[in-house]
């Protein structure tokens, strides 16, 4: 058995190359960069040397086992030999790069340090000392070195919050759900127009039929939106108290002549529906729709968060592929 002194302090860690394959919280807890005295270890693994075997492994796939083993052993010995004779030049290049990067890192640290107040410096220093002391017994103490990011609320989360909150005075029941459905309807219309532009002229009849059915479904939902809009936007009140909702003022009547062409497309679908944002803040205040306008703004913020999250996932997927 190995005799380890009781006074020896062993700090668990994961190599910088492997730690990026673990969970996000493992970086600050186990990376050598956060272990005092460890620093950035170069050449800690041999996996990077395996890449040269990818070319040889293709030609060795149809060989017999002894022949394949002989070929791979030769390639590995050659790789180790080339690494040994080139190690001096490699270390020289890395030393020059480290010397050039050190002043830049020092300037960035000084710039950050100068932007802090004395209270922040004392607080951060105290947190650092406590985290390093508790690192072995409680690795989660190192989480203070990780970037603290809060997930932006989605449309569904904001809609749920609006539904759980007490309804403001003057606000109609179901306004939050109606606004959320309206935003999803706008997205569906925009997506339909983009699909029509992408398919071009040479398209099968089956594809045309599917898009026509989709457009018909969106058109029926748009008619339902117009009926509900006259109630939630209080447009039926301007047509007279004895007028039914079906005979009330149509929402498109509130669009001026210059902007109407931006709302209606060739197939009759409105690219942008009549929501409080389309009426304007002054018109919303005149009709007592301030609460409805605030709801729409919150839901639009969630819609933007969803779009940014989707973009983030797309870029991450492309980075993983390419």
Protein backbone atom coordinates (compact mmCIF):
# COMPACT_ATOMS: atom_id res chain seq x y z
CA UNK A 1 0.00 0.00 0.00
CA UNK A 2 1.07 3.58 -0.63
CA UNK A 3 1.88 5.47 2.55
CA UNK A 4 0.43 8.98 2.18
CA UNK A 5 1.19 11.59 4.80
CA UNK A 6 -1.86 12.90 6.61
CA UNK A 7 -0.57 16.45 6.17
CA UNK A 8 -0.50 16.09 2.38
CA UNK A 9 -3.37 18.03 0.82
CA UNK A 10 -4.66 16.36 -2.33
CA UNK A 11 -6.89 18.45 -4.60
CA UNK A 12 -8.90 16.51 -7.20
CA UNK A 13 -8.65 17.81 -10.75
CA UNK A 14 -9.40 17.00 -14.38
CA UNK A 15 -7.10 17.81 -17.26
CA UNK A 16 -8.02 20.91 -19.24
CA UNK A 17 -8.62 18.86 -22.41
CA UNK A 18 -10.92 16.36 -20.69
CA UNK A 19 -12.78 18.80 -18.43
CA UNK A 20 -14.49 20.41 -21.43
CA UNK A 21 -16.17 17.07 -22.12
CA UNK A 22 -17.72 17.02 -18.66
CA UNK A 23 -20.65 18.97 -17.28
CA UNK A 24 -20.50 22.75 -17.25
CA UNK A 25 -19.98 23.02 -13.48
CA UNK A 26 -16.94 20.72 -13.63
CA UNK A 27 -14.87 23.46 -15.28
CA UNK A 28 -14.56 25.75 -12.25
CA UNK A 29 -14.55 22.85 -9.79
CA UNK A 30 -11.85 20.62 -11.28
CA UNK A 31 -9.96 22.46 -14.05
CA UNK A 32 -6.23 22.99 -13.28
CA UNK A 33 -6.64 26.70 -14.04
CA UNK A 34 -8.51 27.08 -10.73
CA UNK A 35 -6.02 25.05 -8.67
CA UNK A 36 -3.40 27.29 -7.12
CA UNK A 37 0.05 26.26 -8.33
CA UNK A 38 -1.17 24.00 -11.14
CA UNK A 39 -1.67 26.44 -13.99
CA UNK A 40 -2.13 25.38 -17.59
CA UNK A 41 -0.45 22.01 -18.21
CA UNK A 42 0.64 21.56 -21.81
CA UNK A 43 0.96 18.16 -23.40
CA UNK A 44 -1.00 16.44 -20.63
CA UNK A 45 -2.62 13.88 -22.92
CA UNK A 46 -1.75 11.57 -25.79
CA UNK A 47 -5.15 11.69 -27.48
CA UNK A 48 -4.01 14.57 -29.69
CA UNK A 49 -1.40 12.24 -31.23
CA UNK A 50 -4.07 9.82 -32.38
CA UNK A 51 -5.26 12.08 -35.16
CA UNK A 52 -2.37 11.01 -37.41
CA UNK A 53 -3.62 7.42 -37.15
CA UNK A 54 -6.94 8.29 -38.79
CA UNK A 55 -5.34 8.26 -42.24
CA UNK A 56 -3.59 4.95 -41.64
CA UNK A 57 -6.63 3.29 -40.06
CA UNK A 58 -8.57 3.67 -43.32
CA UNK A 59 -6.09 1.57 -45.27
CA UNK A 60 -5.78 -0.95 -42.42
CA UNK A 61 -9.48 -1.78 -42.12
CA UNK A 62 -9.27 -4.68 -44.63
CA UNK A 63 -5.97 -6.08 -43.37
CA UNK A 64 -5.59 -9.17 -41.26
CA UNK A 65 -5.12 -8.65 -37.52
CA UNK A 66 -1.31 -9.21 -37.47
CA UNK A 67 -0.80 -6.97 -40.50
CA UNK A 68 -3.04 -4.26 -39.02
CA UNK A 69 -1.24 -4.39 -35.68
CA UNK A 70 2.14 -4.13 -37.39
CA UNK A 71 1.03 -1.11 -39.43
CA UNK A 72 -0.47 0.75 -36.47
CA UNK A 73 2.56 0.02 -34.28
CA UNK A 74 4.81 1.43 -36.98
CA UNK A 75 2.69 4.56 -37.30
CA UNK A 76 2.64 5.10 -33.51
CA UNK A 77 6.39 4.64 -33.22
CA UNK A 78 6.92 7.06 -36.07
CA UNK A 79 4.58 9.59 -34.42
CA UNK A 80 6.42 9.31 -31.09
CA UNK A 81 9.79 9.67 -32.82
CA UNK A 82 8.69 12.78 -34.73
CA UNK A 83 7.31 14.29 -31.52
CA UNK A 84 10.62 13.69 -29.75
CA UNK A 85 12.81 15.32 -32.39
CA UNK A 86 10.43 18.27 -32.80
CA UNK A 87 9.82 18.94 -29.11
CA UNK A 88 12.48 21.66 -28.87
CA UNK A 89 11.00 23.73 -31.69
CA UNK A 90 7.49 23.15 -30.33
CA UNK A 91 8.40 24.34 -26.83
CA UNK A 92 10.20 27.38 -28.27
CA UNK A 93 7.10 28.42 -30.23
CA UNK A 94 4.85 27.94 -27.22
CA UNK A 95 7.20 29.90 -24.97
CA UNK A 96 7.21 32.83 -27.40
CA UNK A 97 3.40 32.73 -27.62
CA UNK A 98 3.11 32.67 -23.81
CA UNK A 99 5.47 35.63 -23.45
CA UNK A 100 3.45 37.62 -26.00
CA UNK A 101 0.15 36.78 -24.31
CA UNK A 102 1.29 37.56 -20.76
CA UNK A 103 1.29 41.40 -21.16
CA UNK A 104 -2.15 41.29 -22.79
CA UNK A 105 -3.54 39.23 -19.94
CA UNK A 106 -1.95 41.57 -17.41
CA UNK A 107 -3.49 44.62 -19.10
CA UNK A 108 -6.93 42.99 -19.13
CA UNK A 109 -6.57 42.18 -15.42
CA UNK A 110 -5.49 45.72 -14.56
CA UNK A 111 -8.37 47.18 -16.58
CA UNK A 112 -10.86 44.97 -14.74
CA UNK A 113 -9.28 45.71 -11.36
CA UNK A 114 -9.42 49.47 -11.91
CA UNK A 115 -13.13 49.30 -12.72
CA UNK A 116 -13.92 47.75 -9.33
CA UNK A 117 -14.62 49.62 -6.13
CA UNK A 118 -12.69 48.97 -2.94
CA UNK A 119 -15.70 47.16 -1.46
CA UNK A 120 -15.93 44.85 -4.48
CA UNK A 121 -12.22 44.05 -4.32
CA UNK A 122 -12.41 43.14 -0.63
CA UNK A 123 -15.57 41.09 -1.17
CA UNK A 124 -14.12 39.19 -4.14
CA UNK A 125 -10.85 38.52 -2.31
CA UNK A 126 -12.73 37.14 0.69
CA UNK A 127 -14.86 34.92 -1.55
CA UNK A 128 -11.75 33.65 -3.35
CA UNK A 129 -9.97 32.70 -0.12
CA UNK A 130 -13.05 30.95 1.25
CA UNK A 131 -13.65 29.05 -2.01
CA UNK A 132 -10.03 27.83 -2.23
CA UNK A 133 -10.13 26.68 1.39
CA UNK A 134 -13.38 24.74 0.90
CA UNK A 135 -12.39 23.36 -2.51
CA UNK A 136 -11.55 19.84 -1.29
CA UNK A 137 -14.48 19.35 1.09
CA UNK A 138 -17.05 21.22 -1.01
CA UNK A 139 -16.24 21.50 -4.75
CA UNK A 140 -19.43 23.54 -5.31
CA UNK A 141 -17.73 26.43 -3.48
CA UNK A 142 -15.76 27.03 -6.69
CA UNK A 143 -18.94 27.90 -8.58
CA UNK A 144 -18.35 31.58 -7.77
CA UNK A 145 -15.64 31.60 -10.46
CA UNK A 146 -18.15 30.50 -13.10
CA UNK A 147 -20.04 33.03 -15.20
CA UNK A 148 -23.49 33.40 -13.67
CA UNK A 149 -26.01 33.36 -16.49
CA UNK A 150 -29.75 33.37 -15.99
CA UNK A 151 -31.93 31.76 -18.58
CA UNK A 152 -34.11 34.35 -20.29
CA UNK A 153 -37.85 33.72 -19.87
CA UNK A 154 -39.62 32.11 -22.81
CA UNK A 155 -43.03 32.99 -24.22
CA UNK A 156 -44.60 30.04 -22.39
CA UNK A 157 -43.02 31.08 -19.08
CA UNK A 158 -44.19 34.68 -19.47
CA UNK A 159 -47.69 33.57 -20.49
CA UNK A 160 -47.88 31.31 -17.43
CA UNK A 161 -46.78 34.19 -15.20
CA UNK A 162 -49.42 36.48 -16.68
CA UNK A 163 -52.10 33.84 -16.18
CA UNK A 164 -51.12 33.29 -12.55
CA UNK A 165 -51.01 37.00 -11.72
CA UNK A 166 -54.21 38.75 -10.57
CA UNK A 167 -56.04 40.20 -13.54
CA UNK A 168 -55.68 44.02 -13.70
CA UNK A 169 -58.81 46.09 -13.54
CA UNK A 170 -60.31 46.71 -16.96
CA UNK A 171 -58.52 43.72 -18.50
CA UNK A 172 -60.67 41.05 -20.13
CA UNK A 173 -60.40 37.39 -19.25
CA UNK A 174 -58.05 35.41 -21.53
CA UNK A 175 -56.15 38.43 -22.86
CA UNK A 176 -52.72 36.88 -22.20
CA UNK A 177 -53.58 33.67 -24.05
CA UNK A 178 -55.07 35.65 -26.94
CA UNK A 179 -51.91 37.73 -27.29
CA UNK A 180 -49.68 34.64 -27.16
CA UNK A 181 -51.77 32.92 -29.84
CA UNK A 182 -51.60 36.09 -31.95
CA UNK A 183 -47.80 36.11 -31.82
CA UNK A 184 -47.67 32.44 -32.80
CA UNK A 185 -50.08 33.18 -35.67
CA UNK A 186 -47.77 35.94 -36.94
CA UNK A 187 -44.84 33.52 -36.83
CA UNK A 188 -46.83 30.93 -38.80
CA UNK A 189 -47.72 33.49 -41.48
CA UNK A 190 -44.11 34.64 -41.79
CA UNK A 191 -42.89 31.03 -41.98
CA UNK A 192 -45.46 30.27 -44.70
CA UNK A 193 -44.30 33.20 -46.84
CA UNK A 194 -40.66 32.15 -46.42
CA UNK A 195 -41.47 28.58 -47.46
CA UNK A 196 -43.25 29.84 -50.59
CA UNK A 197 -40.21 31.87 -51.58
CA UNK A 198 -37.83 28.96 -51.02
CA UNK A 199 -39.66 26.28 -53.00
CA UNK A 200 -39.41 28.13 -56.32
CA UNK A 201 -41.43 27.28 -59.42
CA UNK A 202 -40.53 23.59 -59.74
CA UNK A 203 -42.52 22.04 -56.95
CA UNK A 204 -44.67 18.94 -56.81
CA UNK A 205 -48.43 19.10 -56.59
CA UNK A 206 -48.29 17.29 -53.25
CA UNK A 207 -46.14 20.09 -51.82
CA UNK A 208 -48.48 22.72 -53.26
CA UNK A 209 -51.46 20.93 -51.71
CA UNK A 210 -49.78 20.82 -48.30
CA UNK A 211 -48.96 24.52 -48.42
CA UNK A 212 -52.47 25.38 -49.61
CA UNK A 213 -53.99 23.47 -46.70
CA UNK A 214 -51.61 25.19 -44.32
CA UNK A 215 -52.58 28.59 -45.72
CA UNK A 216 -56.28 27.72 -45.41
CA UNK A 217 -55.79 26.70 -41.78
CA UNK A 218 -53.95 29.94 -41.03
CA UNK A 219 -56.69 31.93 -42.78
CA UNK A 220 -59.37 30.37 -40.57
CA UNK A 221 -57.31 31.17 -37.47
CA UNK A 222 -56.91 34.73 -38.70
CA UNK A 223 -60.67 35.13 -39.00
CA UNK A 224 -61.01 33.99 -35.40
CA UNK A 225 -58.34 36.49 -34.40
CA UNK A 226 -60.22 39.34 -36.09
CA UNK A 227 -63.40 38.42 -34.21
CA UNK A 228 -61.56 38.34 -30.88
CA UNK A 229 -59.61 41.52 -31.67
CA UNK A 230 -62.81 43.56 -31.88
CA UNK A 231 -63.52 42.54 -28.28
CA UNK A 232 -60.07 42.74 -26.68
CA UNK A 233 -59.19 46.00 -28.46
CA UNK A 234 -62.66 47.42 -27.69
CA UNK A 235 -63.32 48.21 -31.33
CA UNK A 236 -66.96 47.11 -31.09
CA UNK A 237 -67.65 49.93 -28.64
CA UNK A 238 -66.86 52.55 -31.27
CA UNK A 239 -69.46 51.15 -33.66
CA UNK A 240 -72.24 51.73 -31.14
CA UNK A 241 -73.47 49.86 -28.10
CA UNK A 242 -76.23 48.11 -30.10
CA UNK A 243 -73.85 46.67 -32.68
CA UNK A 244 -72.85 43.03 -32.45
CA UNK A 245 -69.27 41.91 -32.63
CA UNK A 246 -69.72 40.50 -36.13
CA UNK A 247 -71.00 43.85 -37.38
CA UNK A 248 -68.48 45.97 -35.53
CA UNK A 249 -65.64 47.97 -36.94
CA UNK A 250 -63.10 45.73 -38.67
CA UNK A 251 -59.57 45.89 -37.25
CA UNK A 252 -58.09 46.68 -40.65
CA UNK A 253 -60.00 49.95 -40.64
CA UNK A 254 -57.58 51.31 -38.05
CA UNK A 255 -54.60 50.81 -40.36
CA UNK A 256 -53.72 53.92 -42.30
CA UNK A 257 -53.52 53.86 -46.07
CA UNK A 258 -49.72 53.97 -46.14
CA UNK A 259 -49.23 50.96 -43.89
CA UNK A 260 -52.08 48.77 -45.11
CA UNK A 261 -49.97 47.29 -47.89
CA UNK A 262 -47.46 46.12 -45.28
CA UNK A 263 -50.14 44.17 -43.43
CA UNK A 264 -51.91 42.38 -46.29
CA UNK A 265 -50.21 39.91 -48.60
CA UNK A 266 -51.26 38.61 -52.00
CA UNK A 267 -53.14 35.63 -50.54
CA UNK A 268 -55.16 37.79 -48.15
CA UNK A 269 -53.14 36.83 -45.07
CA UNK A 270 -52.08 39.77 -42.94
CA UNK A 271 -48.34 39.64 -42.35
CA UNK A 272 -48.72 41.68 -39.16
CA UNK A 273 -51.88 41.40 -37.11
CA UNK A 274 -53.59 44.29 -35.40
CA UNK A 275 -52.25 44.18 -31.86
CA UNK A 276 -51.83 46.98 -29.31
CA UNK A 277 -48.39 47.71 -30.78
CA UNK A 278 -50.01 48.36 -34.17
CA UNK A 279 -52.47 50.84 -32.65
CA UNK A 280 -49.75 52.85 -30.93
CA UNK A 281 -49.34 53.85 -27.32
CA UNK A 282 -51.55 56.95 -27.64
CA UNK A 283 -54.45 54.97 -29.07
CA UNK A 284 -54.02 52.33 -26.37
CA UNK A 285 -54.17 54.95 -23.65
CA UNK A 286 -57.26 56.52 -25.20
CA UNK A 287 -59.03 53.14 -25.19
CA UNK A 288 -57.71 52.04 -21.79
CA UNK A 289 -55.51 49.29 -23.24
CA UNK A 290 -52.30 50.09 -21.34
CA UNK A 291 -52.36 46.75 -19.53
CA UNK A 292 -52.86 44.91 -22.81
CA UNK A 293 -49.93 46.77 -24.37
CA UNK A 294 -47.70 45.87 -21.42
CA UNK A 295 -48.69 42.21 -21.77
CA UNK A 296 -47.80 42.26 -25.46
CA UNK A 297 -44.42 43.84 -24.73
CA UNK A 298 -43.59 41.12 -22.20
CA UNK A 299 -44.66 38.37 -24.59
CA UNK A 300 -42.65 39.95 -27.44
CA UNK A 301 -39.62 39.94 -25.15
CA UNK A 302 -40.14 36.23 -24.58
CA UNK A 303 -40.54 35.74 -28.33
CA UNK A 304 -37.18 37.43 -28.90
CA UNK A 305 -35.62 35.26 -26.19
CA UNK A 306 -36.92 32.14 -27.93
CA UNK A 307 -35.48 33.33 -31.25
CA UNK A 308 -32.07 34.03 -29.71
CA UNK A 309 -32.08 30.65 -27.99
CA UNK A 310 -32.90 28.96 -31.29
CA UNK A 311 -30.07 30.87 -32.98
CA UNK A 312 -27.71 29.81 -30.21
CA UNK A 313 -28.63 26.15 -30.66
CA UNK A 314 -28.23 26.42 -34.44
CA UNK A 315 -24.76 27.95 -34.14
CA UNK A 316 -23.77 25.34 -31.56
CA UNK A 317 -24.96 22.58 -33.87
CA UNK A 318 -22.99 23.99 -36.81
CA UNK A 319 -19.90 24.37 -34.61
CA UNK A 320 -20.18 20.73 -33.56
CA UNK A 321 -20.59 19.56 -37.17
CA UNK A 322 -17.93 21.70 -38.82
